[in-house]
Amino acid sequence: MWTLRSGETLELGRAKISLSDGRLSMTDDHTAKSLLTGAEEVKVRPHPPVNVPSKVSDYLMIRIGEGFVPLDGQEIWLSAPYDLAVSLDNRIVGFLSPFRVKYSLYGPTTEGVVCRYHESPLSRDPQPGIGARVRVTFRVKAPKEVDRIVIPVNELDIFFRDGAVYYEVIEVTVGDDLYVELKNEPPVEADLVYPPVKSVDLIQRIASGYRMVW
């Protein structure tokens, strides 16, 4: 989480936030907003990528650069987008995206799921840059090529360490279809920044997984 004080500007990818003489300015590809606040500081927190330019979907589809057949127990790292929630006195006054916002359909036209869309190469180590760092582990019941994963980000935990943003660990079970599950744990030792309080509703967490059937 970033703290912006009077006279300071935060630029992150396509997003820019400035606080000067009591005026808060926020811009990205979709927003140009200016507020007279009188505030001396604002908080900027990573947030699941669901609010820019408006709430469209609770799912994120990451297209992997080249499809591959994962091994049981294999781990890879991907990059992912996130929104920025800008807060004054613990009240969110705007959302921005540091990334280009795209949407795509996963599945057939009549039954598919609209998803926030992002492309990422895979790597063995966390990727540099402003993208969130995502560790994906695989459980393989039957070999299958994987070229994308759909993540249910409505229940996503986001972590922060040394200026880098991390998603919680993602586990993908590979069989006749793919089951994507949020593991409710950080991929590295880091501070939880979203949600403010760690989720403890295990039934809801288990139900938040997504089965990729197409």
C-alpha atoms as a PDB file:
ATOM      1  CA  MET A   1       0.000   0.000   0.000  1.00  0.00           C
ATOM      2  CA  TRP A   2       1.205   3.478  -0.891  1.00  0.00           C
ATOM      3  CA  THR A   3       0.706   6.682   1.119  1.00  0.00           C
ATOM      4  CA  LEU A   4       0.634   9.893  -0.904  1.00  0.00           C
ATOM      5  CA  ARG A   5       1.246  13.162   0.953  1.00  0.00           C
ATOM      6  CA  SER A   6       0.655  16.759  -0.079  1.00  0.00           C
ATOM      7  CA  GLY A   7       2.951  17.752  -2.933  1.00  0.00           C
ATOM      8  CA  GLU A   8       3.581  14.149  -4.038  1.00  0.00           C
ATOM      9  CA  THR A   9       2.649  12.268  -7.205  1.00  0.00           C
ATOM     10  CA  LEU A  10       2.392   8.527  -7.772  1.00  0.00           C
ATOM     11  CA  GLU A  11       2.733   7.247 -11.337  1.00  0.00           C
ATOM     12  CA  LEU A  12       2.226   3.529 -11.900  1.00  0.00           C
ATOM     13  CA  GLY A  13       1.863   2.304 -15.458  1.00  0.00           C
ATOM     14  CA  ARG A  14      -1.128   4.080 -17.001  1.00  0.00           C
ATOM     15  CA  ALA A  15      -2.326   5.521 -13.666  1.00  0.00           C
ATOM     16  CA  LYS A  16      -1.307   8.848 -12.131  1.00  0.00           C
ATOM     17  CA  ILE A  17      -2.374  10.231  -8.744  1.00  0.00           C
ATOM     18  CA  SER A  18      -1.385  13.673  -7.438  1.00  0.00           C
ATOM     19  CA  LEU A  19      -2.121  15.511  -4.193  1.00  0.00           C
ATOM     20  CA  SER A  20      -1.331  19.236  -4.124  1.00  0.00           C
ATOM     21  CA  ASP A  21      -2.813  22.176  -2.196  1.00  0.00           C
ATOM     22  CA  GLY A  22      -5.773  20.105  -1.038  1.00  0.00           C
ATOM     23  CA  ARG A  23      -6.647  18.924  -4.561  1.00  0.00           C
ATOM     24  CA  LEU A  24      -6.571  15.234  -5.464  1.00  0.00           C
ATOM     25  CA  SER A  25      -6.142  14.411  -9.162  1.00  0.00           C
ATOM     26  CA  MET A  26      -6.593  10.879 -10.576  1.00  0.00           C
ATOM     27  CA  THR A  27      -6.108   9.849 -14.202  1.00  0.00           C
ATOM     28  CA  ASP A  28      -5.797   6.663 -16.251  1.00  0.00           C
ATOM     29  CA  ASP A  29      -7.070   5.503 -19.652  1.00  0.00           C
ATOM     30  CA  HIS A  30     -10.683   5.712 -18.424  1.00  0.00           C
ATOM     31  CA  THR A  31     -10.747   8.349 -15.677  1.00  0.00           C
ATOM     32  CA  ALA A  32      -9.847  12.010 -15.290  1.00  0.00           C
ATOM     33  CA  LYS A  33     -11.072  13.162 -11.873  1.00  0.00           C
ATOM     34  CA  SER A  34     -10.142  16.079  -9.643  1.00  0.00           C
ATOM     35  CA  LEU A  35     -11.415  16.551  -6.080  1.00  0.00           C
ATOM     36  CA  LEU A  36     -11.005  19.411  -3.619  1.00  0.00           C
ATOM     37  CA  THR A  37     -10.416  17.576  -0.356  1.00  0.00           C
ATOM     38  CA  GLY A  38      -8.246  19.607   1.976  1.00  0.00           C
ATOM     39  CA  ALA A  39      -6.562  16.300   2.837  1.00  0.00           C
ATOM     40  CA  GLU A  40      -2.885  16.053   3.709  1.00  0.00           C
ATOM     41  CA  GLU A  41      -2.562  12.441   2.583  1.00  0.00           C
ATOM     42  CA  VAL A  42      -4.346   9.696   0.666  1.00  0.00           C
ATOM     43  CA  LYS A  43      -3.944   5.928   0.708  1.00  0.00           C
ATOM     44  CA  VAL A  44      -3.567   3.868  -2.448  1.00  0.00           C
ATOM     45  CA  ARG A  45      -4.192   0.136  -2.133  1.00  0.00           C
ATOM     46  CA  PRO A  46      -4.005  -2.691  -4.720  1.00  0.00           C
ATOM     47  CA  HIS A  47      -7.473  -4.087  -5.388  1.00  0.00           C
ATOM     48  CA  PRO A  48      -8.826  -6.993  -7.483  1.00  0.00           C
ATOM     49  CA  PRO A  49      -9.063  -5.950 -11.162  1.00  0.00           C
ATOM     50  CA  VAL A  50     -12.844  -5.668 -11.360  1.00  0.00           C
ATOM     51  CA  ASN A  51     -13.798  -1.972 -11.110  1.00  0.00           C
ATOM     52  CA  VAL A  52     -12.257  -0.210 -14.130  1.00  0.00           C
ATOM     53  CA  PRO A  53     -13.921   1.248 -16.104  1.00  0.00           C
ATOM     54  CA  SER A  54     -16.905  -0.285 -14.254  1.00  0.00           C
ATOM     55  CA  LYS A  55     -17.882  -3.578 -12.611  1.00  0.00           C
ATOM     56  CA  VAL A  56     -18.203  -6.105 -15.454  1.00  0.00           C
ATOM     57  CA  SER A  57     -16.954  -9.456 -14.171  1.00  0.00           C
ATOM     58  CA  ASP A  58     -15.579 -11.249 -11.112  1.00  0.00           C
ATOM     59  CA  TYR A  59     -13.245 -13.361 -13.267  1.00  0.00           C
ATOM     60  CA  LEU A  60      -9.780 -12.816 -14.698  1.00  0.00           C
ATOM     61  CA  MET A  61      -8.499 -14.878 -17.635  1.00  0.00           C
ATOM     62  CA  ILE A  62      -4.726 -15.034 -18.007  1.00  0.00           C
ATOM     63  CA  ARG A  63      -3.621 -16.208 -21.431  1.00  0.00           C
ATOM     64  CA  ILE A  64      -0.244 -17.944 -21.067  1.00  0.00           C
ATOM     65  CA  GLY A  65       2.259 -16.968 -23.761  1.00  0.00           C
ATOM     66  CA  GLU A  66       2.675 -20.500 -25.056  1.00  0.00           C
ATOM     67  CA  GLY A  67       0.531 -23.448 -24.054  1.00  0.00           C
ATOM     68  CA  PHE A  68       2.306 -26.207 -22.135  1.00  0.00           C
ATOM     69  CA  VAL A  69       1.582 -29.537 -20.474  1.00  0.00           C
ATOM     70  CA  PRO A  70       2.293 -29.113 -16.737  1.00  0.00           C
ATOM     71  CA  LEU A  71       3.790 -31.827 -14.545  1.00  0.00           C
ATOM     72  CA  ASP A  72       2.282 -32.865 -11.229  1.00  0.00           C
ATOM     73  CA  GLY A  73       3.667 -30.571  -8.517  1.00  0.00           C
ATOM     74  CA  GLN A  74       5.068 -28.056 -11.002  1.00  0.00           C
ATOM     75  CA  GLU A  75       5.112 -24.369 -10.054  1.00  0.00           C
ATOM     76  CA  ILE A  76       5.188 -21.423 -12.421  1.00  0.00           C
ATOM     77  CA  TRP A  77       4.977 -17.653 -12.045  1.00  0.00           C
ATOM     78  CA  LEU A  78       2.695 -15.392 -14.073  1.00  0.00           C
ATOM     79  CA  SER A  79       2.006 -11.664 -14.027  1.00  0.00           C
ATOM     80  CA  ALA A  80      -1.487 -10.233 -13.540  1.00  0.00           C
ATOM     81  CA  PRO A  81      -3.260  -6.867 -13.410  1.00  0.00           C
ATOM     82  CA  TYR A  82      -4.802  -5.181 -10.388  1.00  0.00           C
ATOM     83  CA  ASP A  83      -6.782  -2.004  -9.792  1.00  0.00           C
ATOM     84  CA  LEU A  84      -5.759   0.836  -7.493  1.00  0.00           C
ATOM     85  CA  ALA A  85      -8.284   1.893  -4.846  1.00  0.00           C
ATOM     86  CA  VAL A  86      -7.730   5.510  -3.768  1.00  0.00           C
ATOM     87  CA  SER A  87      -8.972   6.276  -0.240  1.00  0.00           C
ATOM     88  CA  LEU A  88      -9.529   9.386   1.861  1.00  0.00           C
ATOM     89  CA  ASP A  89     -10.252   8.833   5.559  1.00  0.00           C
ATOM     90  CA  ASN A  90     -10.841   5.101   4.906  1.00  0.00           C
ATOM     91  CA  ARG A  91     -13.411   5.902   2.201  1.00  0.00           C
ATOM     92  CA  ILE A  92     -12.705   4.857  -1.386  1.00  0.00           C
ATOM     93  CA  VAL A  93     -13.088   7.841  -3.742  1.00  0.00           C
ATOM     94  CA  GLY A  94     -11.963   6.221  -6.980  1.00  0.00           C
ATOM     95  CA  PHE A  95     -10.495   3.242  -8.809  1.00  0.00           C
ATOM     96  CA  LEU A  96      -7.745   3.392 -11.424  1.00  0.00           C
ATOM     97  CA  SER A  97      -5.986   0.810 -13.562  1.00  0.00           C
ATOM     98  CA  PRO A  98      -2.226   0.884 -14.208  1.00  0.00           C
ATOM     99  CA  PHE A  99      -2.853  -1.569 -17.071  1.00  0.00           C
ATOM    100  CA  ARG A 100      -4.652  -1.638 -20.401  1.00  0.00           C
ATOM    101  CA  VAL A 101      -8.153  -2.962 -19.669  1.00  0.00           C
ATOM    102  CA  LYS A 102      -9.491  -5.677 -21.957  1.00  0.00           C
ATOM    103  CA  TYR A 103     -12.325  -8.173 -21.647  1.00  0.00           C
ATOM    104  CA  SER A 104     -12.860 -11.513 -23.346  1.00  0.00           C
ATOM    105  CA  LEU A 105     -15.348 -14.378 -23.337  1.00  0.00           C
ATOM    106  CA  TYR A 106     -14.297 -17.763 -21.982  1.00  0.00           C
ATOM    107  CA  GLY A 107     -16.491 -20.540 -23.369  1.00  0.00           C
ATOM    108  CA  PRO A 108     -19.322 -20.541 -25.917  1.00  0.00           C
ATOM    109  CA  THR A 109     -21.279 -17.395 -26.703  1.00  0.00           C
ATOM    110  CA  THR A 110     -24.480 -18.543 -24.992  1.00  0.00           C
ATOM    111  CA  GLU A 111     -22.962 -20.117 -21.863  1.00  0.00           C
ATOM    112  CA  GLY A 112     -19.496 -18.618 -21.471  1.00  0.00           C
ATOM    113  CA  VAL A 113     -18.128 -16.251 -18.841  1.00  0.00           C
ATOM    114  CA  VAL A 114     -17.008 -12.676 -19.518  1.00  0.00           C
ATOM    115  CA  CYS A 115     -13.530 -12.183 -18.016  1.00  0.00           C
ATOM    116  CA  ARG A 116     -11.003  -9.425 -17.558  1.00  0.00           C
ATOM    117  CA  TYR A 117      -8.287 -10.438 -20.048  1.00  0.00           C
ATOM    118  CA  HIS A 118      -4.518 -10.410 -19.597  1.00  0.00           C
ATOM    119  CA  GLU A 119      -1.585 -12.058 -21.355  1.00  0.00           C
ATOM    120  CA  SER A 120       1.525 -13.246 -19.522  1.00  0.00           C
ATOM    121  CA  PRO A 121       4.585 -15.342 -20.269  1.00  0.00           C
ATOM    122  CA  LEU A 122       5.343 -18.079 -17.748  1.00  0.00           C
ATOM    123  CA  SER A 123       8.590 -18.215 -15.806  1.00  0.00           C
ATOM    124  CA  ARG A 124      10.266 -20.135 -13.003  1.00  0.00           C
ATOM    125  CA  ASP A 125      10.712 -17.024 -10.871  1.00  0.00           C
ATOM    126  CA  PRO A 126       8.636 -13.920 -10.067  1.00  0.00           C
ATOM    127  CA  GLN A 127       8.560 -11.590 -13.057  1.00  0.00           C
ATOM    128  CA  PRO A 128       9.891  -8.022 -12.800  1.00  0.00           C
ATOM    129  CA  GLY A 129       7.700  -5.043 -13.609  1.00  0.00           C
ATOM    130  CA  ILE A 130       4.562  -3.517 -12.117  1.00  0.00           C
ATOM    131  CA  GLY A 131       2.318  -6.547 -12.697  1.00  0.00           C
ATOM    132  CA  ALA A 132       1.161  -8.588  -9.726  1.00  0.00           C
ATOM    133  CA  ARG A 133       3.269 -11.697  -9.195  1.00  0.00           C
ATOM    134  CA  VAL A 134       1.242 -14.898  -9.276  1.00  0.00           C
ATOM    135  CA  ARG A 135       2.508 -18.319  -8.208  1.00  0.00           C
ATOM    136  CA  VAL A 136       0.537 -21.160  -9.772  1.00  0.00           C
ATOM    137  CA  THR A 137       0.912 -24.774  -8.611  1.00  0.00           C
ATOM    138  CA  PHE A 138      -0.412 -27.760 -10.547  1.00  0.00           C
ATOM    139  CA  ARG A 139      -1.975 -31.037  -9.470  1.00  0.00           C
ATOM    140  CA  VAL A 140      -2.152 -33.299 -12.497  1.00  0.00           C
ATOM    141  CA  LYS A 141      -4.618 -36.198 -12.624  1.00  0.00           C
ATOM    142  CA  ALA A 142      -4.458 -36.530 -16.423  1.00  0.00           C
ATOM    143  CA  PRO A 143      -2.006 -34.722 -18.760  1.00  0.00           C
ATOM    144  CA  LYS A 144      -3.588 -31.810 -20.612  1.00  0.00           C
ATOM    145  CA  GLU A 145      -2.271 -28.748 -22.394  1.00  0.00           C
ATOM    146  CA  VAL A 146      -2.879 -25.511 -20.503  1.00  0.00           C
ATOM    147  CA  ASP A 147      -2.846 -22.226 -22.399  1.00  0.00           C
ATOM    148  CA  ARG A 148      -4.977 -20.075 -20.053  1.00  0.00           C
ATOM    149  CA  ILE A 149      -6.415 -20.039 -16.563  1.00  0.00           C
ATOM    150  CA  VAL A 150      -9.575 -18.347 -15.278  1.00  0.00           C
ATOM    151  CA  ILE A 151      -9.240 -16.965 -11.744  1.00  0.00           C
ATOM    152  CA  PRO A 152     -12.274 -16.029  -9.583  1.00  0.00           C
ATOM    153  CA  VAL A 153     -10.891 -12.738  -8.286  1.00  0.00           C
ATOM    154  CA  ASN A 154     -13.971 -11.695  -6.276  1.00  0.00           C
ATOM    155  CA  GLU A 155     -12.505 -13.528  -3.245  1.00  0.00           C
ATOM    156  CA  LEU A 156      -8.861 -12.740  -4.016  1.00  0.00           C
ATOM    157  CA  ASP A 157      -6.304 -11.931  -1.306  1.00  0.00           C
ATOM    158  CA  ILE A 158      -3.590  -9.463  -2.398  1.00  0.00           C
ATOM    159  CA  PHE A 159      -0.219  -9.052  -0.690  1.00  0.00           C
ATOM    160  CA  PHE A 160       2.534  -6.419  -0.817  1.00  0.00           C
ATOM    161  CA  ARG A 161       6.266  -6.573  -0.127  1.00  0.00           C
ATOM    162  CA  ASP A 162       9.141  -4.252  -1.062  1.00  0.00           C
ATOM    163  CA  GLY A 163       7.050  -2.360  -3.600  1.00  0.00           C
ATOM    164  CA  ALA A 164       5.803  -5.524  -5.341  1.00  0.00           C
ATOM    165  CA  VAL A 165       2.215  -6.799  -5.491  1.00  0.00           C
ATOM    166  CA  TYR A 166       1.411 -10.509  -5.100  1.00  0.00           C
ATOM    167  CA  TYR A 167      -1.749 -12.559  -5.585  1.00  0.00           C
ATOM    168  CA  GLU A 168      -2.423 -15.362  -3.140  1.00  0.00           C
ATOM    169  CA  VAL A 169      -1.270 -18.801  -4.315  1.00  0.00           C
ATOM    170  CA  ILE A 170      -3.355 -20.272  -7.136  1.00  0.00           C
ATOM    171  CA  GLU A 171      -3.724 -24.059  -7.446  1.00  0.00           C
ATOM    172  CA  VAL A 172      -4.860 -25.654 -10.720  1.00  0.00           C
ATOM    173  CA  THR A 173      -6.040 -29.269 -10.796  1.00  0.00           C
ATOM    174  CA  VAL A 174      -5.647 -30.710 -14.301  1.00  0.00           C
ATOM    175  CA  GLY A 175      -7.862 -33.556 -15.497  1.00  0.00           C
ATOM    176  CA  ASP A 176     -10.659 -33.797 -18.035  1.00  0.00           C
ATOM    177  CA  ASP A 177     -11.184 -30.135 -17.163  1.00  0.00           C
ATOM    178  CA  LEU A 178      -9.268 -27.595 -15.053  1.00  0.00           C
ATOM    179  CA  TYR A 179     -10.229 -26.559 -11.529  1.00  0.00           C
ATOM    180  CA  VAL A 180      -8.746 -23.249 -10.355  1.00  0.00           C
ATOM    181  CA  GLU A 181      -8.658 -22.691  -6.595  1.00  0.00           C
ATOM    182  CA  LEU A 182      -7.522 -19.816  -4.381  1.00  0.00           C
ATOM    183  CA  LYS A 183      -5.336 -21.188  -1.565  1.00  0.00           C
ATOM    184  CA  ASN A 184      -5.710 -18.286   0.896  1.00  0.00           C
ATOM    185  CA  GLU A 185      -1.936 -18.040   1.487  1.00  0.00           C
ATOM    186  CA  PRO A 186       0.807 -15.683   0.285  1.00  0.00           C
ATOM    187  CA  PRO A 187       3.381 -17.014  -2.201  1.00  0.00           C
ATOM    188  CA  VAL A 188       6.143 -15.286  -0.186  1.00  0.00           C
ATOM    189  CA  GLU A 189       6.292 -13.659   3.235  1.00  0.00           C
ATOM    190  CA  ALA A 190       4.363 -10.434   2.648  1.00  0.00           C
ATOM    191  CA  ASP A 191       1.746  -8.098   4.126  1.00  0.00           C
ATOM    192  CA  LEU A 192      -1.942  -8.586   3.379  1.00  0.00           C
ATOM    193  CA  VAL A 193      -3.306  -5.380   1.802  1.00  0.00           C
ATOM    194  CA  TYR A 194      -6.619  -6.638   0.394  1.00  0.00           C
ATOM    195  CA  PRO A 195      -8.973  -7.354   2.006  1.00  0.00           C
ATOM    196  CA  PRO A 196      -8.026  -5.463   5.172  1.00  0.00           C
ATOM    197  CA  VAL A 197      -8.880  -8.577   7.236  1.00  0.00           C
ATOM    198  CA  LYS A 198      -7.899 -12.075   6.105  1.00  0.00           C
ATOM    199  CA  SER A 199     -10.820 -14.274   5.059  1.00  0.00           C
ATOM    200  CA  VAL A 200     -11.696 -17.046   7.539  1.00  0.00           C
ATOM    201  CA  ASP A 201     -14.898 -18.352   5.909  1.00  0.00           C
ATOM    202  CA  LEU A 202     -13.483 -21.650   4.644  1.00  0.00           C
ATOM    203  CA  ILE A 203     -16.759 -22.822   3.078  1.00  0.00           C
ATOM    204  CA  GLN A 204     -17.005 -19.631   1.061  1.00  0.00           C
ATOM    205  CA  ARG A 205     -13.347 -19.922   0.064  1.00  0.00           C
ATOM    206  CA  ILE A 206     -13.783 -23.483  -1.192  1.00  0.00           C
ATOM    207  CA  ALA A 207     -16.881 -22.463  -3.127  1.00  0.00           C
ATOM    208  CA  SER A 208     -14.963 -19.607  -4.769  1.00  0.00           C
ATOM    209  CA  GLY A 209     -13.014 -21.938  -7.073  1.00  0.00           C
ATOM    210  CA  TYR A 210     -13.739 -22.068 -10.791  1.00  0.00           C
ATOM    211  CA  ARG A 211     -14.060 -25.149 -13.010  1.00  0.00           C
ATOM    212  CA  MET A 212     -12.896 -24.565 -16.588  1.00  0.00           C
ATOM    213  CA  VAL A 213     -15.057 -26.946 -18.605  1.00  0.00           C
ATOM    214  CA  TRP A 214     -14.721 -25.665 -22.173  1.00  0.00           C
END
